[in-house]
């Protein structure tokens, strides 16, 4: 666990995978994870990102920057 600044004074702890990794290990209930980039939204205001994951029931999901959650029919990653 590492502590990250979320704003001028807000801080939160998050599990951080290996640097430059494209996958995270299994997260258990109550754990958190973070994705950290070396740039700001001011530099890239239209940045769109998404995360794909498989839940504990074996269902595949994708969630994007707008928090749109979509169930995927298969895993292609």
PDB file of N, CA and C in Angstrom:
ATOM      1  N   UNK A   1       0.841  -1.176   0.000  1.00  0.00           N
ATOM      2  CA  UNK A   1       0.000   0.000   0.000  1.00  0.00           C
ATOM      3  C   UNK A   1       0.887   1.241   0.000  1.00  0.00           C
ATOM      4  N   UNK A   2       0.481   2.198  -0.798  1.00  0.00           N
ATOM      5  CA  UNK A   2       1.176   3.476  -0.837  1.00  0.00           C
ATOM      6  C   UNK A   2       0.155   4.591  -0.693  1.00  0.00           C
ATOM      7  N   UNK A   3       0.573   5.731  -0.190  1.00  0.00           N
ATOM      8  CA  UNK A   3      -0.311   6.877  -0.036  1.00  0.00           C
ATOM      9  C   UNK A   3      -0.101   7.822  -1.212  1.00  0.00           C
ATOM     10  N   UNK A   4      -1.210   8.250  -1.823  1.00  0.00           N
ATOM     11  CA  UNK A   4      -1.168   9.171  -2.965  1.00  0.00           C
ATOM     12  C   UNK A   4      -1.953  10.416  -2.659  1.00  0.00           C
ATOM     13  N   UNK A   5      -1.460  11.547  -3.147  1.00  0.00           N
ATOM     14  CA  UNK A   5      -2.185  12.810  -3.016  1.00  0.00           C
ATOM     15  C   UNK A   5      -3.310  12.835  -4.043  1.00  0.00           C
ATOM     16  N   UNK A   6      -4.513  13.167  -3.593  1.00  0.00           N
ATOM     17  CA  UNK A   6      -5.665  13.231  -4.483  1.00  0.00           C
ATOM     18  C   UNK A   6      -6.033  14.658  -4.843  1.00  0.00           C
ATOM     19  N   UNK A   7      -5.438  15.596  -4.206  1.00  0.00           N
ATOM     20  CA  UNK A   7      -5.712  17.004  -4.428  1.00  0.00           C
ATOM     21  C   UNK A   7      -4.727  17.798  -3.583  1.00  0.00           C
ATOM     22  N   UNK A   8      -5.094  18.999  -3.233  1.00  0.00           N
ATOM     23  CA  UNK A   8      -4.162  19.834  -2.485  1.00  0.00           C
ATOM     24  C   UNK A   8      -3.848  19.266  -1.100  1.00  0.00           C
ATOM     25  N   UNK A   9      -4.844  18.677  -0.414  1.00  0.00           N
ATOM     26  CA  UNK A   9      -4.594  18.118   0.919  1.00  0.00           C
ATOM     27  C   UNK A   9      -5.137  16.703   1.081  1.00  0.00           C
ATOM     28  N   UNK A  10      -6.004  16.254   0.192  1.00  0.00           N
ATOM     29  CA  UNK A  10      -6.599  14.922   0.321  1.00  0.00           C
ATOM     30  C   UNK A  10      -5.588  13.847  -0.054  1.00  0.00           C
ATOM     31  N   UNK A  11      -5.584  12.774   0.731  1.00  0.00           N
ATOM     32  CA  UNK A  11      -4.678  11.671   0.474  1.00  0.00           C
ATOM     33  C   UNK A  11      -5.442  10.366   0.675  1.00  0.00           C
ATOM     34  N   UNK A  12      -5.029   9.330  -0.029  1.00  0.00           N
ATOM     35  CA  UNK A  12      -5.652   8.018   0.129  1.00  0.00           C
ATOM     36  C   UNK A  12      -4.618   6.947  -0.124  1.00  0.00           C
ATOM     37  N   UNK A  13      -4.825   5.801   0.504  1.00  0.00           N
ATOM     38  CA  UNK A  13      -3.924   4.685   0.266  1.00  0.00           C
ATOM     39  C   UNK A  13      -4.490   3.808  -0.833  1.00  0.00           C
ATOM     40  N   UNK A  14      -3.618   3.241  -1.625  1.00  0.00           N
ATOM     41  CA  UNK A  14      -4.045   2.357  -2.705  1.00  0.00           C
ATOM     42  C   UNK A  14      -2.965   1.324  -2.963  1.00  0.00           C
ATOM     43  N   UNK A  15      -3.385   0.139  -3.358  1.00  0.00           N
ATOM     44  CA  UNK A  15      -2.454  -0.892  -3.784  1.00  0.00           C
ATOM     45  C   UNK A  15      -1.895  -0.481  -5.133  1.00  0.00           C
ATOM     46  N   UNK A  16      -0.611  -0.602  -5.334  1.00  0.00           N
ATOM     47  CA  UNK A  16       0.015  -0.191  -6.586  1.00  0.00           C
ATOM     48  C   UNK A  16       0.764  -1.385  -7.167  1.00  0.00           C
ATOM     49  N   UNK A  17       0.402  -1.817  -8.381  1.00  0.00           N
ATOM     50  CA  UNK A  17       1.125  -2.932  -8.996  1.00  0.00           C
ATOM     51  C   UNK A  17       2.502  -2.486  -9.474  1.00  0.00           C
ATOM     52  N   UNK A  18       3.230  -3.402 -10.021  1.00  0.00           N
ATOM     53  CA  UNK A  18       4.557  -3.089 -10.549  1.00  0.00           C
ATOM     54  C   UNK A  18       4.476  -1.977 -11.584  1.00  0.00           C
ATOM     55  N   UNK A  19       5.482  -1.159 -11.629  1.00  0.00           N
ATOM     56  CA  UNK A  19       5.520  -0.048 -12.583  1.00  0.00           C
ATOM     57  C   UNK A  19       5.400  -0.573 -14.007  1.00  0.00           C
ATOM     58  N   UNK A  20       4.639   0.140 -14.816  1.00  0.00           N
ATOM     59  CA  UNK A  20       4.427  -0.175 -16.234  1.00  0.00           C
ATOM     60  C   UNK A  20       3.748  -1.527 -16.454  1.00  0.00           C
ATOM     61  N   UNK A  21       2.936  -1.910 -15.510  1.00  0.00           N
ATOM     62  CA  UNK A  21       2.207  -3.170 -15.622  1.00  0.00           C
ATOM     63  C   UNK A  21       0.848  -2.917 -16.256  1.00  0.00           C
ATOM     64  N   UNK A  22       0.377  -3.851 -17.048  1.00  0.00           N
ATOM     65  CA  UNK A  22      -0.938  -3.699 -17.668  1.00  0.00           C
ATOM     66  C   UNK A  22      -1.991  -4.536 -16.957  1.00  0.00           C
ATOM     67  N   UNK A  23      -1.609  -5.234 -15.905  1.00  0.00           N
ATOM     68  CA  UNK A  23      -2.559  -6.068 -15.173  1.00  0.00           C
ATOM     69  C   UNK A  23      -2.316  -5.924 -13.675  1.00  0.00           C
ATOM     70  N   UNK A  24      -3.368  -6.101 -12.904  1.00  0.00           N
ATOM     71  CA  UNK A  24      -3.265  -6.065 -11.450  1.00  0.00           C
ATOM     72  C   UNK A  24      -3.591  -7.438 -10.904  1.00  0.00           C
ATOM     73  N   UNK A  25      -2.995  -7.801  -9.775  1.00  0.00           N
ATOM     74  CA  UNK A  25      -3.361  -9.065  -9.157  1.00  0.00           C
ATOM     75  C   UNK A  25      -4.793  -9.004  -8.618  1.00  0.00           C
ATOM     76  N   UNK A  26      -5.273 -10.101  -8.140  1.00  0.00           N
ATOM     77  CA  UNK A  26      -6.634 -10.175  -7.607  1.00  0.00           C
ATOM     78  C   UNK A  26      -6.803  -9.203  -6.451  1.00  0.00           C
ATOM     79  N   UNK A  27      -7.901  -8.456  -6.473  1.00  0.00           N
ATOM     80  CA  UNK A  27      -8.244  -7.570  -5.366  1.00  0.00           C
ATOM     81  C   UNK A  27      -9.353  -8.229  -4.560  1.00  0.00           C
ATOM     82  N   UNK A  28      -9.205  -8.269  -3.281  1.00  0.00           N
ATOM     83  CA  UNK A  28     -10.208  -8.849  -2.393  1.00  0.00           C
ATOM     84  C   UNK A  28     -11.185  -7.771  -1.938  1.00  0.00           C
ATOM     85  N   UNK A  29     -12.327  -8.179  -1.413  1.00  0.00           N
ATOM     86  CA  UNK A  29     -13.333  -7.234  -0.907  1.00  0.00           C
ATOM     87  C   UNK A  29     -12.688  -6.279   0.088  1.00  0.00           C
ATOM     88  N   UNK A  30     -12.971  -4.997  -0.072  1.00  0.00           N
ATOM     89  CA  UNK A  30     -12.437  -3.977   0.819  1.00  0.00           C
ATOM     90  C   UNK A  30     -11.098  -3.415   0.397  1.00  0.00           C
ATOM     91  N   UNK A  31     -10.414  -4.049  -0.561  1.00  0.00           N
ATOM     92  CA  UNK A  31      -9.150  -3.518  -1.054  1.00  0.00           C
ATOM     93  C   UNK A  31      -9.422  -2.477  -2.138  1.00  0.00           C
ATOM     94  N   UNK A  32      -8.465  -1.604  -2.346  1.00  0.00           N
ATOM     95  CA  UNK A  32      -8.570  -0.597  -3.404  1.00  0.00           C
ATOM     96  C   UNK A  32      -7.376  -0.714  -4.328  1.00  0.00           C
ATOM     97  N   UNK A  33      -7.509  -0.124  -5.489  1.00  0.00           N
ATOM     98  CA  UNK A  33      -6.410  -0.074  -6.449  1.00  0.00           C
ATOM     99  C   UNK A  33      -6.423   1.290  -7.104  1.00  0.00           C
ATOM    100  N   UNK A  34      -5.298   1.686  -7.637  1.00  0.00           N
ATOM    101  CA  UNK A  34      -5.202   3.000  -8.265  1.00  0.00           C
ATOM    102  C   UNK A  34      -4.416   2.899  -9.560  1.00  0.00           C
ATOM    103  N   UNK A  35      -4.770   3.759 -10.485  1.00  0.00           N
ATOM    104  CA  UNK A  35      -4.010   3.924 -11.713  1.00  0.00           C
ATOM    105  C   UNK A  35      -3.436   5.328 -11.666  1.00  0.00           C
ATOM    106  N   UNK A  36      -2.130   5.445 -11.814  1.00  0.00           N
ATOM    107  CA  UNK A  36      -1.470   6.735 -11.673  1.00  0.00           C
ATOM    108  C   UNK A  36      -0.727   7.042 -12.964  1.00  0.00           C
ATOM    109  N   UNK A  37      -0.992   8.217 -13.520  1.00  0.00           N
ATOM    110  CA  UNK A  37      -0.300   8.675 -14.724  1.00  0.00           C
ATOM    111  C   UNK A  37       0.555   9.885 -14.373  1.00  0.00           C
ATOM    112  N   UNK A  38       1.569  10.121 -15.165  1.00  0.00           N
ATOM    113  CA  UNK A  38       2.478  11.239 -14.925  1.00  0.00           C
ATOM    114  C   UNK A  38       2.057  12.516 -15.626  1.00  0.00           C
ATOM    115  N   UNK A  39       0.771  12.715 -15.842  1.00  0.00           N
ATOM    116  CA  UNK A  39       0.281  13.947 -16.464  1.00  0.00           C
ATOM    117  C   UNK A  39      -1.073  14.291 -15.852  1.00  0.00           C
ATOM    118  N   UNK A  40      -1.552  15.485 -16.136  1.00  0.00           N
ATOM    119  CA  UNK A  40      -2.804  15.946 -15.544  1.00  0.00           C
ATOM    120  C   UNK A  40      -3.914  16.009 -16.597  1.00  0.00           C
ATOM    121  N   UNK A  41      -5.135  16.112 -16.136  1.00  0.00           N
ATOM    122  CA  UNK A  41      -6.255  16.258 -17.064  1.00  0.00           C
ATOM    123  C   UNK A  41      -6.231  17.629 -17.733  1.00  0.00           C
ATOM    124  N   UNK A  42      -5.536  18.587 -17.138  1.00  0.00           N
ATOM    125  CA  UNK A  42      -5.399  19.888 -17.796  1.00  0.00           C
ATOM    126  C   UNK A  42      -4.603  19.733 -19.095  1.00  0.00           C
ATOM    127  N   UNK A  43      -3.633  18.834 -19.096  1.00  0.00           N
ATOM    128  CA  UNK A  43      -2.829  18.586 -20.284  1.00  0.00           C
ATOM    129  C   UNK A  43      -3.593  17.757 -21.316  1.00  0.00           C
ATOM    130  N   UNK A  44      -4.412  16.823 -20.844  1.00  0.00           N
ATOM    131  CA  UNK A  44      -5.209  15.954 -21.717  1.00  0.00           C
ATOM    132  C   UNK A  44      -6.670  15.960 -21.247  1.00  0.00           C
ATOM    133  N   UNK A  45      -7.399  17.041 -21.472  1.00  0.00           N
ATOM    134  CA  UNK A  45      -8.759  17.161 -20.925  1.00  0.00           C
ATOM    135  C   UNK A  45      -9.766  16.182 -21.524  1.00  0.00           C
ATOM    136  N   UNK A  46      -9.486  15.622 -22.671  1.00  0.00           N
ATOM    137  CA  UNK A  46     -10.431  14.688 -23.305  1.00  0.00           C
ATOM    138  C   UNK A  46      -9.994  13.231 -23.174  1.00  0.00           C
ATOM    139  N   UNK A  47      -9.107  12.975 -22.248  1.00  0.00           N
ATOM    140  CA  UNK A  47      -8.608  11.623 -22.045  1.00  0.00           C
ATOM    141  C   UNK A  47      -9.756  10.682 -21.684  1.00  0.00           C
ATOM    142  N   UNK A  48      -9.816   9.571 -22.366  1.00  0.00           N
ATOM    143  CA  UNK A  48     -10.786   8.521 -22.066  1.00  0.00           C
ATOM    144  C   UNK A  48      -9.992   7.263 -21.742  1.00  0.00           C
ATOM    145  N   UNK A  49     -10.318   6.651 -20.642  1.00  0.00           N
ATOM    146  CA  UNK A  49      -9.656   5.402 -20.283  1.00  0.00           C
ATOM    147  C   UNK A  49     -10.717   4.393 -19.866  1.00  0.00           C
ATOM    148  N   UNK A  50     -10.336   3.144 -19.854  1.00  0.00           N
ATOM    149  CA  UNK A  50     -11.257   2.114 -19.418  1.00  0.00           C
ATOM    150  C   UNK A  50     -10.473   0.996 -18.750  1.00  0.00           C
ATOM    151  N   UNK A  51     -11.173   0.250 -17.942  1.00  0.00           N
ATOM    152  CA  UNK A  51     -10.580  -0.876 -17.232  1.00  0.00           C
ATOM    153  C   UNK A  51     -11.436  -2.094 -17.515  1.00  0.00           C
ATOM    154  N   UNK A  52     -10.798  -3.193 -17.826  1.00  0.00           N
ATOM    155  CA  UNK A  52     -11.500  -4.464 -18.009  1.00  0.00           C
ATOM    156  C   UNK A  52     -11.120  -5.378 -16.850  1.00  0.00           C
ATOM    157  N   UNK A  53     -12.104  -6.126 -16.379  1.00  0.00           N
ATOM    158  CA  UNK A  53     -11.829  -7.026 -15.270  1.00  0.00           C
ATOM    159  C   UNK A  53     -12.798  -8.198 -15.283  1.00  0.00           C
ATOM    160  N   UNK A  54     -12.428  -9.224 -14.568  1.00  0.00           N
ATOM    161  CA  UNK A  54     -13.267 -10.399 -14.383  1.00  0.00           C
ATOM    162  C   UNK A  54     -13.614 -10.460 -12.903  1.00  0.00           C
ATOM    163  N   UNK A  55     -14.906 -10.575 -12.591  1.00  0.00           N
ATOM    164  CA  UNK A  55     -15.317 -10.613 -11.188  1.00  0.00           C
ATOM    165  C   UNK A  55     -15.187 -12.026 -10.621  1.00  0.00           C
ATOM    166  N   UNK A  56     -15.504 -12.168  -9.343  1.00  0.00           N
ATOM    167  CA  UNK A  56     -15.322 -13.455  -8.687  1.00  0.00           C
ATOM    168  C   UNK A  56     -16.310 -14.520  -9.161  1.00  0.00           C
ATOM    169  N   UNK A  57     -17.322 -14.130  -9.919  1.00  0.00           N
ATOM    170  CA  UNK A  57     -18.262 -15.086 -10.508  1.00  0.00           C
ATOM    171  C   UNK A  57     -17.826 -15.494 -11.917  1.00  0.00           C
ATOM    172  N   UNK A  58     -16.699 -14.939 -12.391  1.00  0.00           N
ATOM    173  CA  UNK A  58     -16.195 -15.270 -13.718  1.00  0.00           C
ATOM    174  C   UNK A  58     -16.805 -14.444 -14.837  1.00  0.00           C
ATOM    175  N   UNK A  59     -17.562 -13.401 -14.489  1.00  0.00           N
ATOM    176  CA  UNK A  59     -18.146 -12.521 -15.500  1.00  0.00           C
ATOM    177  C   UNK A  59     -17.132 -11.440 -15.871  1.00  0.00           C
ATOM    178  N   UNK A  60     -17.118 -11.028 -17.136  1.00  0.00           N
ATOM    179  CA  UNK A  60     -16.162 -10.049 -17.639  1.00  0.00           C
ATOM    180  C   UNK A  60     -16.854  -8.692 -17.791  1.00  0.00           C
ATOM    181  N   UNK A  61     -16.160  -7.628 -17.395  1.00  0.00           N
ATOM    182  CA  UNK A  61     -16.729  -6.279 -17.378  1.00  0.00           C
ATOM    183  C   UNK A  61     -15.734  -5.273 -17.924  1.00  0.00           C
ATOM    184  N   UNK A  62     -16.277  -4.135 -18.359  1.00  0.00           N
ATOM    185  CA  UNK A  62     -15.469  -2.983 -18.766  1.00  0.00           C
ATOM    186  C   UNK A  62     -16.137  -1.745 -18.192  1.00  0.00           C
ATOM    187  N   UNK A  63     -15.340  -0.880 -17.572  1.00  0.00           N
ATOM    188  CA  UNK A  63     -15.854   0.395 -17.057  1.00  0.00           C
ATOM    189  C   UNK A  63     -14.979   1.503 -17.622  1.00  0.00           C
ATOM    190  N   UNK A  64     -15.618   2.614 -18.027  1.00  0.00           N
ATOM    191  CA  UNK A  64     -14.852   3.695 -18.648  1.00  0.00           C
ATOM    192  C   UNK A  64     -14.802   4.927 -17.752  1.00  0.00           C
ATOM    193  N   UNK A  65     -14.173   5.963 -18.264  1.00  0.00           N
ATOM    194  CA  UNK A  65     -13.990   7.211 -17.530  1.00  0.00           C
ATOM    195  C   UNK A  65     -15.305   7.808 -17.047  1.00  0.00           C
ATOM    196  N   UNK A  66     -16.371   7.596 -17.808  1.00  0.00           N
ATOM    197  CA  UNK A  66     -17.694   8.129 -17.442  1.00  0.00           C
ATOM    198  C   UNK A  66     -18.434   7.216 -16.470  1.00  0.00           C
ATOM    199  N   UNK A  67     -17.776   6.171 -15.993  1.00  0.00           N
ATOM    200  CA  UNK A  67     -18.339   5.175 -15.088  1.00  0.00           C
ATOM    201  C   UNK A  67     -19.448   4.355 -15.739  1.00  0.00           C
ATOM    202  N   UNK A  68     -19.383   4.235 -17.067  1.00  0.00           N
ATOM    203  CA  UNK A  68     -20.306   3.367 -17.797  1.00  0.00           C
ATOM    204  C   UNK A  68     -19.786   1.940 -17.662  1.00  0.00           C
ATOM    205  N   UNK A  69     -20.578   1.077 -17.028  1.00  0.00           N
ATOM    206  CA  UNK A  69     -20.202  -0.321 -16.810  1.00  0.00           C
ATOM    207  C   UNK A  69     -20.901  -1.183 -17.845  1.00  0.00           C
ATOM    208  N   UNK A  70     -20.124  -2.010 -18.534  1.00  0.00           N
ATOM    209  CA  UNK A  70     -20.679  -2.860 -19.579  1.00  0.00           C
ATOM    210  C   UNK A  70     -20.211  -4.303 -19.368  1.00  0.00           C
ATOM    211  N   UNK A  71     -21.156  -5.242 -19.430  1.00  0.00           N
ATOM    212  CA  UNK A  71     -20.815  -6.654 -19.335  1.00  0.00           C
ATOM    213  C   UNK A  71     -20.293  -7.115 -20.694  1.00  0.00           C
ATOM    214  N   UNK A  72     -19.167  -7.815 -20.706  1.00  0.00           N
ATOM    215  CA  UNK A  72     -18.566  -8.328 -21.920  1.00  0.00           C
ATOM    216  C   UNK A  72     -18.922  -9.795 -22.084  1.00  0.00           C
ATOM    217  N   UNK A  73     -19.114 -10.223 -23.312  1.00  0.00           N
ATOM    218  CA  UNK A  73     -19.498 -11.614 -23.560  1.00  0.00           C
ATOM    219  C   UNK A  73     -18.310 -12.565 -23.475  1.00  0.00           C
ATOM    220  N   UNK A  74     -17.110 -12.076 -23.739  1.00  0.00           N
ATOM    221  CA  UNK A  74     -15.929 -12.921 -23.636  1.00  0.00           C
ATOM    222  C   UNK A  74     -14.712 -12.098 -23.234  1.00  0.00           C
ATOM    223  N   UNK A  75     -13.679 -12.776 -22.877  1.00  0.00           N
ATOM    224  CA  UNK A  75     -12.444 -12.102 -22.450  1.00  0.00           C
ATOM    225  C   UNK A  75     -11.442 -12.189 -23.597  1.00  0.00           C
ATOM    226  N   UNK A  76     -11.014 -11.034 -24.113  1.00  0.00           N
ATOM    227  CA  UNK A  76     -10.048 -11.011 -25.212  1.00  0.00           C
ATOM    228  C   UNK A  76      -8.747 -10.329 -24.799  1.00  0.00           C
ATOM    229  N   UNK A  77      -8.463 -10.326 -23.543  1.00  0.00           N
ATOM    230  CA  UNK A  77      -7.219  -9.735 -23.074  1.00  0.00           C
ATOM    231  C   UNK A  77      -6.407 -10.729 -22.283  1.00  0.00           C
TER     232      UNK A  77
END
